[in-house]
Amino acid sequence: MASRSRRKGRRRAGRETRKAVEWTLLEKVLGALLVAMIVLAAYASLTIEETVEVESIETYLGIVDLRANDANATEYSFSRELKVDYQVVASYVVVEEGPLVHFKVWNSTTGQTLIPETTLGEFERKVRIDSEDVGVYEFLWWVEGGTGRARIDIDVLIQPTERIFEKKT
């Protein structure tokens, strides 16, 4: 009977060493996963992320009264820097007609015209800003000569184009 007890002891010892080997294998797998995650985290922290600067959408709305022969009220204007991949949607309606209303958008630095002078009573146009169009632009409405006043409903929208929104960071 002594030999049987030795065999059982050997079997138990063999099973215990197998379980120990299995645990070591599990530890190796977990260790390899941990190393892979550390390498991936280090790589992710070293890569440069693209930062996309998306500015807010700007709107210029209002009703403007322009009076002919009044030095303080013959024109209305504002300036805005226009960047690449932006678009301008400029529209106006002459609500009360009086003297002829002129409208123009031009680059105050280079003299380049973005929207040529127009005297239409109702106007709407969308213009995309490319790299050669970048600059500070003046949006200008004015009346000349005559008497009376003209009331203009102005709506100018300056916003990023879809191209900026499509970029991924």
C-alpha atoms as a PDB file:
ATOM      1  CA  MET A   1       0.000   0.000   0.000  1.00  0.00           C
ATOM      2  CA  ALA A   2       2.879   2.246   0.436  1.00  0.00           C
ATOM      3  CA  SER A   3       3.462   2.252  -3.285  1.00  0.00           C
ATOM      4  CA  ARG A   4      -0.072   3.419  -3.981  1.00  0.00           C
ATOM      5  CA  SER A   5       0.269   6.394  -1.703  1.00  0.00           C
ATOM      6  CA  ARG A   6       3.446   7.401  -3.493  1.00  0.00           C
ATOM      7  CA  ARG A   7       1.712   7.282  -6.828  1.00  0.00           C
ATOM      8  CA  LYS A   8      -1.115   9.442  -5.608  1.00  0.00           C
ATOM      9  CA  GLY A   9       1.431  11.887  -4.312  1.00  0.00           C
ATOM     10  CA  ARG A  10       3.119  11.984  -7.652  1.00  0.00           C
ATOM     11  CA  ARG A  11      -0.142  12.543  -9.462  1.00  0.00           C
ATOM     12  CA  ARG A  12      -1.033  15.429  -7.192  1.00  0.00           C
ATOM     13  CA  ALA A  13       2.383  16.952  -7.614  1.00  0.00           C
ATOM     14  CA  GLY A  14       2.070  16.619 -11.397  1.00  0.00           C
ATOM     15  CA  ARG A  15      -1.302  18.320 -11.402  1.00  0.00           C
ATOM     16  CA  GLU A  16      -0.002  21.138  -9.264  1.00  0.00           C
ATOM     17  CA  THR A  17       2.934  21.754 -11.602  1.00  0.00           C
ATOM     18  CA  ARG A  18       0.582  21.811 -14.600  1.00  0.00           C
ATOM     19  CA  LYS A  19      -1.628  24.401 -12.878  1.00  0.00           C
ATOM     20  CA  ALA A  20       1.456  26.417 -12.048  1.00  0.00           C
ATOM     21  CA  VAL A  21       2.531  26.270 -15.714  1.00  0.00           C
ATOM     22  CA  GLU A  22      -0.945  27.307 -16.855  1.00  0.00           C
ATOM     23  CA  TRP A  23      -0.899  30.292 -14.501  1.00  0.00           C
ATOM     24  CA  THR A  24       2.532  31.254 -15.756  1.00  0.00           C
ATOM     25  CA  LEU A  25       1.208  31.119 -19.328  1.00  0.00           C
ATOM     26  CA  LEU A  26      -1.717  33.355 -18.325  1.00  0.00           C
ATOM     27  CA  GLU A  27       0.711  35.718 -16.673  1.00  0.00           C
ATOM     28  CA  LYS A  28       2.763  35.819 -19.867  1.00  0.00           C
ATOM     29  CA  VAL A  29      -0.299  36.647 -21.966  1.00  0.00           C
ATOM     30  CA  LEU A  30      -1.391  39.386 -19.562  1.00  0.00           C
ATOM     31  CA  GLY A  31       2.167  40.736 -19.453  1.00  0.00           C
ATOM     32  CA  ALA A  32       2.351  40.816 -23.254  1.00  0.00           C
ATOM     33  CA  LEU A  33      -0.992  42.665 -23.415  1.00  0.00           C
ATOM     34  CA  LEU A  34       0.220  45.134 -20.820  1.00  0.00           C
ATOM     35  CA  VAL A  35       3.428  45.792 -22.760  1.00  0.00           C
ATOM     36  CA  ALA A  36       1.453  46.234 -25.997  1.00  0.00           C
ATOM     37  CA  MET A  37      -0.866  48.745 -24.311  1.00  0.00           C
ATOM     38  CA  ILE A  38       2.096  50.691 -22.899  1.00  0.00           C
ATOM     39  CA  VAL A  39       3.771  50.827 -26.323  1.00  0.00           C
ATOM     40  CA  LEU A  40       0.503  51.934 -27.945  1.00  0.00           C
ATOM     41  CA  ALA A  41      -0.027  54.645 -25.302  1.00  0.00           C
ATOM     42  CA  ALA A  42       3.550  55.888 -25.755  1.00  0.00           C
ATOM     43  CA  TYR A  43       3.121  56.010 -29.542  1.00  0.00           C
ATOM     44  CA  ALA A  44      -0.193  57.851 -29.234  1.00  0.00           C
ATOM     45  CA  SER A  45       1.328  60.454 -26.947  1.00  0.00           C
ATOM     46  CA  LEU A  46       4.253  61.037 -29.322  1.00  0.00           C
ATOM     47  CA  THR A  47       2.208  61.466 -32.495  1.00  0.00           C
ATOM     48  CA  ILE A  48       1.211  65.001 -33.410  1.00  0.00           C
ATOM     49  CA  GLU A  49      -2.498  65.646 -33.451  1.00  0.00           C
ATOM     50  CA  GLU A  50      -3.938  67.999 -36.058  1.00  0.00           C
ATOM     51  CA  THR A  51      -5.637  70.943 -34.450  1.00  0.00           C
ATOM     52  CA  VAL A  52      -8.412  72.535 -36.439  1.00  0.00           C
ATOM     53  CA  GLU A  53      -9.358  76.043 -35.417  1.00  0.00           C
ATOM     54  CA  VAL A  54     -12.993  76.651 -36.144  1.00  0.00           C
ATOM     55  CA  GLU A  55     -14.103  80.126 -35.327  1.00  0.00           C
ATOM     56  CA  SER A  56     -17.644  81.127 -34.668  1.00  0.00           C
ATOM     57  CA  ILE A  57     -20.099  82.041 -37.347  1.00  0.00           C
ATOM     58  CA  GLU A  58     -20.495  85.797 -37.575  1.00  0.00           C
ATOM     59  CA  THR A  59     -23.692  87.536 -38.549  1.00  0.00           C
ATOM     60  CA  TYR A  60     -24.208  91.206 -39.259  1.00  0.00           C
ATOM     61  CA  LEU A  61     -27.929  92.000 -39.202  1.00  0.00           C
ATOM     62  CA  GLY A  62     -29.734  95.277 -39.045  1.00  0.00           C
ATOM     63  CA  ILE A  63     -31.756  97.987 -40.648  1.00  0.00           C
ATOM     64  CA  VAL A  64     -29.736 101.000 -41.689  1.00  0.00           C
ATOM     65  CA  ASP A  65     -31.033 104.440 -42.660  1.00  0.00           C
ATOM     66  CA  LEU A  66     -28.841 106.239 -45.172  1.00  0.00           C
ATOM     67  CA  ARG A  67     -29.551 109.911 -45.840  1.00  0.00           C
ATOM     68  CA  ALA A  68     -28.350 111.779 -48.870  1.00  0.00           C
ATOM     69  CA  ASN A  69     -26.412 115.029 -48.290  1.00  0.00           C
ATOM     70  CA  ASP A  70     -25.856 114.173 -44.593  1.00  0.00           C
ATOM     71  CA  ALA A  71     -22.122 113.816 -43.902  1.00  0.00           C
ATOM     72  CA  ASN A  72     -22.754 111.511 -40.925  1.00  0.00           C
ATOM     73  CA  ALA A  73     -25.294 109.210 -42.563  1.00  0.00           C
ATOM     74  CA  THR A  74     -24.457 108.830 -46.255  1.00  0.00           C
ATOM     75  CA  GLU A  75     -22.705 105.509 -45.755  1.00  0.00           C
ATOM     76  CA  TYR A  76     -22.595 102.431 -43.554  1.00  0.00           C
ATOM     77  CA  SER A  77     -19.616 100.082 -43.440  1.00  0.00           C
ATOM     78  CA  PHE A  78     -17.793  97.505 -41.378  1.00  0.00           C
ATOM     79  CA  SER A  79     -14.467  95.701 -41.820  1.00  0.00           C
ATOM     80  CA  ARG A  80     -13.759  92.043 -41.308  1.00  0.00           C
ATOM     81  CA  GLU A  81     -10.706  89.837 -41.829  1.00  0.00           C
ATOM     82  CA  LEU A  82     -11.622  86.961 -44.139  1.00  0.00           C
ATOM     83  CA  LYS A  83      -9.655  83.719 -43.896  1.00  0.00           C
ATOM     84  CA  VAL A  84      -9.110  80.707 -46.141  1.00  0.00           C
ATOM     85  CA  ASP A  85     -11.996  78.228 -46.311  1.00  0.00           C
ATOM     86  CA  TYR A  86     -14.586  80.744 -45.188  1.00  0.00           C
ATOM     87  CA  GLN A  87     -17.561  81.925 -47.149  1.00  0.00           C
ATOM     88  CA  VAL A  88     -19.525  85.156 -47.152  1.00  0.00           C
ATOM     89  CA  VAL A  89     -23.249  85.239 -47.765  1.00  0.00           C
ATOM     90  CA  ALA A  90     -24.118  88.895 -48.294  1.00  0.00           C
ATOM     91  CA  SER A  91     -27.661  90.045 -48.828  1.00  0.00           C
ATOM     92  CA  TYR A  92     -29.661  93.222 -48.448  1.00  0.00           C
ATOM     93  CA  VAL A  93     -33.059  94.595 -49.378  1.00  0.00           C
ATOM     94  CA  VAL A  94     -33.868  98.267 -49.853  1.00  0.00           C
ATOM     95  CA  VAL A  95     -37.019  98.528 -47.718  1.00  0.00           C
ATOM     96  CA  GLU A  96     -37.755 102.225 -48.263  1.00  0.00           C
ATOM     97  CA  GLU A  97     -36.519 103.626 -51.522  1.00  0.00           C
ATOM     98  CA  GLY A  98     -35.056 107.075 -51.732  1.00  0.00           C
ATOM     99  CA  PRO A  99     -31.688 107.897 -53.240  1.00  0.00           C
ATOM    100  CA  LEU A 100     -29.926 105.113 -55.132  1.00  0.00           C
ATOM    101  CA  VAL A 101     -28.151 102.658 -52.788  1.00  0.00           C
ATOM    102  CA  HIS A 102     -24.687 101.384 -53.745  1.00  0.00           C
ATOM    103  CA  PHE A 103     -23.048  98.249 -52.295  1.00  0.00           C
ATOM    104  CA  LYS A 104     -19.496  96.925 -52.617  1.00  0.00           C
ATOM    105  CA  VAL A 105     -17.092  94.570 -50.803  1.00  0.00           C
ATOM    106  CA  TRP A 106     -13.394  95.174 -51.346  1.00  0.00           C
ATOM    107  CA  ASN A 107     -10.023  94.402 -49.777  1.00  0.00           C
ATOM    108  CA  SER A 108      -8.909  97.574 -48.035  1.00  0.00           C
ATOM    109  CA  THR A 109      -5.235  96.537 -48.209  1.00  0.00           C
ATOM    110  CA  THR A 110      -4.840  95.337 -51.803  1.00  0.00           C
ATOM    111  CA  GLY A 111      -7.822  97.038 -53.421  1.00  0.00           C
ATOM    112  CA  GLN A 112      -9.082  93.683 -54.739  1.00  0.00           C
ATOM    113  CA  THR A 113     -12.874  93.599 -55.174  1.00  0.00           C
ATOM    114  CA  LEU A 114     -14.742  90.634 -53.712  1.00  0.00           C
ATOM    115  CA  ILE A 115     -18.236  91.804 -54.712  1.00  0.00           C
ATOM    116  CA  PRO A 116     -18.286  94.504 -57.408  1.00  0.00           C
ATOM    117  CA  GLU A 117     -20.370  97.641 -56.930  1.00  0.00           C
ATOM    118  CA  THR A 118     -24.077  97.104 -57.420  1.00  0.00           C
ATOM    119  CA  THR A 119     -27.160  99.326 -57.193  1.00  0.00           C
ATOM    120  CA  LEU A 120     -29.799  96.596 -57.108  1.00  0.00           C
ATOM    121  CA  GLY A 121     -32.765  97.045 -54.777  1.00  0.00           C
ATOM    122  CA  GLU A 122     -32.461  93.413 -53.629  1.00  0.00           C
ATOM    123  CA  PHE A 123     -29.193  91.493 -53.567  1.00  0.00           C
ATOM    124  CA  GLU A 124     -27.920  88.097 -52.386  1.00  0.00           C
ATOM    125  CA  ARG A 125     -24.617  86.414 -53.158  1.00  0.00           C
ATOM    126  CA  LYS A 126     -22.428  83.673 -51.689  1.00  0.00           C
ATOM    127  CA  VAL A 127     -18.657  84.034 -52.119  1.00  0.00           C
ATOM    128  CA  ARG A 128     -16.062  81.476 -51.058  1.00  0.00           C
ATOM    129  CA  ILE A 129     -12.715  82.762 -49.754  1.00  0.00           C
ATOM    130  CA  ASP A 130      -9.662  81.072 -51.282  1.00  0.00           C
ATOM    131  CA  SER A 131      -6.007  81.618 -50.398  1.00  0.00           C
ATOM    132  CA  GLU A 132      -5.624  84.490 -52.867  1.00  0.00           C
ATOM    133  CA  ASP A 133      -8.686  86.242 -51.371  1.00  0.00           C
ATOM    134  CA  VAL A 134      -7.447  86.350 -47.743  1.00  0.00           C
ATOM    135  CA  GLY A 135      -7.352  89.822 -46.229  1.00  0.00           C
ATOM    136  CA  VAL A 136      -9.252  92.582 -44.466  1.00  0.00           C
ATOM    137  CA  TYR A 137     -12.389  93.489 -46.380  1.00  0.00           C
ATOM    138  CA  GLU A 138     -14.688  96.429 -46.077  1.00  0.00           C
ATOM    139  CA  PHE A 139     -18.408  95.953 -46.589  1.00  0.00           C
ATOM    140  CA  LEU A 140     -19.814  99.302 -47.735  1.00  0.00           C
ATOM    141  CA  TRP A 141     -23.294 100.660 -48.477  1.00  0.00           C
ATOM    142  CA  TRP A 142     -23.698 104.313 -49.514  1.00  0.00           C
ATOM    143  CA  VAL A 143     -26.000 106.804 -51.208  1.00  0.00           C
ATOM    144  CA  GLU A 144     -24.998 109.685 -53.464  1.00  0.00           C
ATOM    145  CA  GLY A 145     -26.618 112.971 -54.342  1.00  0.00           C
ATOM    146  CA  GLY A 146     -30.308 113.714 -54.278  1.00  0.00           C
ATOM    147  CA  THR A 147     -32.396 114.085 -51.160  1.00  0.00           C
ATOM    148  CA  GLY A 148     -34.290 111.831 -48.804  1.00  0.00           C
ATOM    149  CA  ARG A 149     -33.341 108.599 -47.148  1.00  0.00           C
ATOM    150  CA  ALA A 150     -33.084 104.929 -48.013  1.00  0.00           C
ATOM    151  CA  ARG A 151     -33.761 102.200 -45.458  1.00  0.00           C
ATOM    152  CA  ILE A 152     -31.798  98.980 -46.000  1.00  0.00           C
ATOM    153  CA  ASP A 153     -32.291  95.598 -44.322  1.00  0.00           C
ATOM    154  CA  ILE A 154     -28.784  94.094 -44.169  1.00  0.00           C
ATOM    155  CA  ASP A 155     -27.889  90.438 -43.574  1.00  0.00           C
ATOM    156  CA  VAL A 156     -24.242  89.365 -43.878  1.00  0.00           C
ATOM    157  CA  LEU A 157     -23.156  85.888 -42.777  1.00  0.00           C
ATOM    158  CA  ILE A 158     -19.463  84.924 -42.499  1.00  0.00           C
ATOM    159  CA  GLN A 159     -18.954  81.236 -41.790  1.00  0.00           C
ATOM    160  CA  PRO A 160     -16.534  78.341 -42.246  1.00  0.00           C
ATOM    161  CA  THR A 161     -17.094  76.223 -45.318  1.00  0.00           C
ATOM    162  CA  GLU A 162     -17.844  72.504 -45.185  1.00  0.00           C
ATOM    163  CA  ARG A 163     -14.150  71.777 -45.798  1.00  0.00           C
ATOM    164  CA  ILE A 164     -13.244  72.943 -42.294  1.00  0.00           C
ATOM    165  CA  PHE A 165     -15.980  70.848 -40.719  1.00  0.00           C
ATOM    166  CA  GLU A 166     -14.806  67.724 -42.612  1.00  0.00           C
ATOM    167  CA  LYS A 167     -11.294  67.804 -41.116  1.00  0.00           C
ATOM    168  CA  LYS A 168     -10.623  65.271 -38.409  1.00  0.00           C
ATOM    169  CA  THR A 169      -8.477  65.861 -35.338  1.00  0.00           C
END
